Amino acid sequence: MSKTLILVRHAHRNTDDRTLDNGLSEKGFEQAQRLSEFFLQHFSDPKPHLISSPKKRCRETLASMASGLRKRVFVSSLLDEASPGESTTQFFNRITRFLSACKRSKAQVIVACSHGDWIPACIQVSTGQSLELKKGGLVQLALSKERVQIEKVIQKF
């Protein structure tokens, strides 16, 4: 049986000070609202399991959707961007652990919000393909025990 994993790159970030864990810009909140409207139209049944990187911009990207679905956003460090000192092997192992957890999950639809380095690495690890997402974009994957397949890519909301 196949599950749906939707990877969302966080919406446009407030860039006043990139050293802070700042949240979304005004543009980012507008993107997040459009993303939420899309999900409420297409993925409200069954209600998806929502997971976010610990970063504020990722949590805020999913907040409107969570409110509309009356769901909680769970936070997972497995979705965090690569950290200084983390090797490529460690980063890819973290992604592999996340994918394994998704496959074991009882949820049929999982929405995960992460970063511009994490999502392309996840696509590479899981499908062998190369894909870059714009901020606020998404890629929909079909997850089965045997393989992962890209079903849909939306670059802009």
Protein backbone atom coordinates (compact mmCIF):
# COMPACT_ATOMS: atom_id res chain seq x y z
CA MET A 1 0.00 0.00 0.00
CA SER A 2 1.32 3.42 -0.96
CA LYS A 3 1.38 6.47 1.30
CA THR A 4 1.60 10.10 0.31
CA LEU A 5 4.51 12.18 1.58
CA ILE A 6 4.39 15.86 0.73
CA LEU A 7 7.59 17.80 1.26
CA VAL A 8 7.10 21.55 1.58
CA ARG A 9 9.95 24.01 1.42
CA HIS A 10 9.28 26.73 3.97
CA ALA A 11 7.79 29.95 2.63
CA HIS A 12 9.76 33.18 2.16
CA ARG A 13 11.81 34.00 5.23
CA ASN A 14 12.25 37.31 7.01
CA THR A 15 15.86 38.14 6.10
CA ASP A 16 16.46 41.11 8.43
CA ASP A 17 19.06 39.05 10.33
CA ARG A 18 19.93 35.63 8.93
CA THR A 19 21.79 34.68 12.12
CA LEU A 20 18.46 34.49 13.97
CA ASP A 21 15.80 31.81 13.81
CA ASN A 22 13.44 34.37 12.38
CA GLY A 23 10.08 33.54 10.94
CA LEU A 24 8.32 34.35 7.71
CA SER A 25 8.23 37.64 5.87
CA GLU A 26 4.94 39.22 4.81
CA LYS A 27 5.41 37.51 1.43
CA GLY A 28 6.02 34.24 3.27
CA PHE A 29 2.78 34.52 5.27
CA GLU A 30 0.89 35.08 2.01
CA GLN A 31 2.56 31.99 0.48
CA ALA A 32 1.71 29.95 3.57
CA GLN A 33 -1.94 31.03 3.35
CA ARG A 34 -2.17 29.99 -0.33
CA LEU A 35 -0.49 26.69 0.51
CA SER A 36 -3.03 26.15 3.29
CA GLU A 37 -5.93 26.86 0.93
CA PHE A 38 -4.53 24.34 -1.56
CA PHE A 39 -4.28 21.64 1.12
CA LEU A 40 -7.73 22.31 2.51
CA GLN A 41 -9.12 21.76 -1.00
CA HIS A 42 -7.07 18.66 -1.88
CA PHE A 43 -5.93 16.89 1.29
CA SER A 44 -8.48 17.40 4.04
CA ASP A 45 -9.61 13.77 4.02
CA PRO A 46 -7.85 11.86 5.34
CA LYS A 47 -6.38 14.62 7.46
CA PRO A 48 -2.60 14.66 7.03
CA HIS A 49 -0.04 14.21 9.76
CA LEU A 50 1.91 17.51 9.90
CA ILE A 51 5.62 17.56 10.76
CA SER A 52 8.01 20.52 10.77
CA SER A 53 11.67 21.28 11.12
CA PRO A 54 12.31 23.01 14.46
CA LYS A 55 12.98 26.31 12.67
CA LYS A 56 10.34 29.01 13.19
CA ARG A 57 9.92 29.66 9.44
CA CYS A 58 8.94 26.01 8.90
CA ARG A 59 6.52 25.90 11.82
CA GLU A 60 4.90 29.14 10.60
CA THR A 61 4.60 27.76 7.06
CA LEU A 62 2.38 24.94 8.37
CA ALA A 63 0.52 26.93 11.06
CA SER A 64 -2.38 28.13 8.89
CA MET A 65 -2.87 24.66 7.45
CA ALA A 66 -2.83 23.12 10.92
CA SER A 67 -5.43 25.61 12.12
CA GLY A 68 -7.70 24.93 9.13
CA LEU A 69 -7.39 21.17 9.58
CA ARG A 70 -7.60 21.36 13.38
CA LYS A 71 -4.37 19.42 13.56
CA ARG A 72 -1.20 19.83 15.58
CA VAL A 73 2.18 20.41 13.93
CA PHE A 74 4.76 17.97 15.30
CA VAL A 75 8.38 19.10 15.32
CA SER A 76 11.20 16.78 14.29
CA SER A 77 14.92 17.55 14.35
CA LEU A 78 15.29 15.01 11.53
CA LEU A 79 13.88 17.72 9.21
CA ASP A 80 16.34 20.43 10.26
CA GLU A 81 18.76 21.90 7.77
CA ALA A 82 22.33 20.60 7.74
CA SER A 83 24.28 21.92 10.69
CA PRO A 84 27.90 23.07 10.68
CA GLY A 85 30.06 20.07 11.48
CA GLU A 86 27.46 17.56 10.32
CA SER A 87 28.99 15.34 7.64
CA THR A 88 27.19 14.53 4.41
CA THR A 89 26.90 10.92 5.61
CA GLN A 90 25.31 12.02 8.90
CA PHE A 91 22.93 14.36 7.04
CA PHE A 92 21.86 11.61 4.60
CA ASN A 93 21.47 9.12 7.47
CA ARG A 94 19.13 11.57 9.21
CA ILE A 95 17.06 11.83 6.03
CA THR A 96 16.97 8.04 5.70
CA ARG A 97 15.73 7.75 9.31
CA PHE A 98 12.94 10.22 8.53
CA LEU A 99 11.87 8.29 5.42
CA SER A 100 11.87 5.01 7.37
CA ALA A 101 9.69 6.58 10.07
CA CYS A 102 7.24 7.80 7.40
CA LYS A 103 6.99 4.33 5.90
CA ARG A 104 6.25 2.86 9.35
CA SER A 105 3.73 5.58 10.24
CA LYS A 106 0.03 4.77 10.37
CA ALA A 107 -0.74 8.07 8.62
CA GLN A 108 -1.70 7.78 4.95
CA VAL A 109 -0.80 11.40 4.17
CA ILE A 110 2.21 13.10 5.76
CA VAL A 111 3.14 16.74 5.18
CA ALA A 112 6.68 17.67 6.17
CA CYS A 113 8.10 21.20 6.05
CA SER A 114 11.86 21.56 5.72
CA HIS A 115 14.63 23.49 3.99
CA GLY A 116 16.29 24.18 0.66
CA ASP A 117 19.19 21.84 1.41
CA TRP A 118 17.19 19.05 3.05
CA ILE A 119 14.48 18.54 0.43
CA PRO A 120 16.81 18.12 -2.60
CA ALA A 121 18.95 15.73 -0.53
CA CYS A 122 15.83 13.75 0.42
CA ILE A 123 14.75 13.51 -3.21
CA GLN A 124 18.27 12.37 -4.18
CA VAL A 125 18.40 9.76 -1.39
CA SER A 126 14.89 8.42 -2.01
CA THR A 127 14.53 8.55 -5.81
CA GLY A 128 18.01 9.14 -7.21
CA GLN A 129 16.65 12.22 -8.99
CA SER A 130 17.72 15.85 -8.74
CA LEU A 131 15.10 18.45 -7.83
CA GLU A 132 15.33 21.97 -6.40
CA LEU A 133 12.23 23.58 -4.89
CA LYS A 134 11.50 27.28 -4.62
CA LYS A 135 10.46 28.68 -1.25
CA GLY A 136 6.86 27.72 -0.59
CA GLY A 137 6.96 24.95 -3.20
CA LEU A 138 6.13 21.30 -2.68
CA VAL A 139 6.86 17.87 -4.03
CA GLN A 140 4.39 15.02 -3.58
CA LEU A 141 5.88 11.55 -3.25
CA ALA A 142 4.29 8.11 -3.29
CA LEU A 143 5.96 5.98 -0.62
CA SER A 144 5.81 2.22 -0.71
CA LYS A 145 8.00 -0.40 0.94
CA GLU A 146 9.76 -1.02 -2.36
CA ARG A 147 10.26 2.49 -3.73
CA VAL A 148 9.62 6.22 -3.64
CA GLN A 149 8.21 7.99 -6.69
CA ILE A 150 7.66 11.68 -7.47
CA GLU A 151 3.98 12.28 -8.29
CA LYS A 152 3.67 16.06 -8.41
CA VAL A 153 5.81 19.18 -8.12
CA ILE A 154 4.38 22.64 -7.48
CA GLN A 155 7.01 25.36 -7.47
CA LYS A 156 4.98 28.35 -6.39
CA PHE A 157 1.99 29.27 -4.24
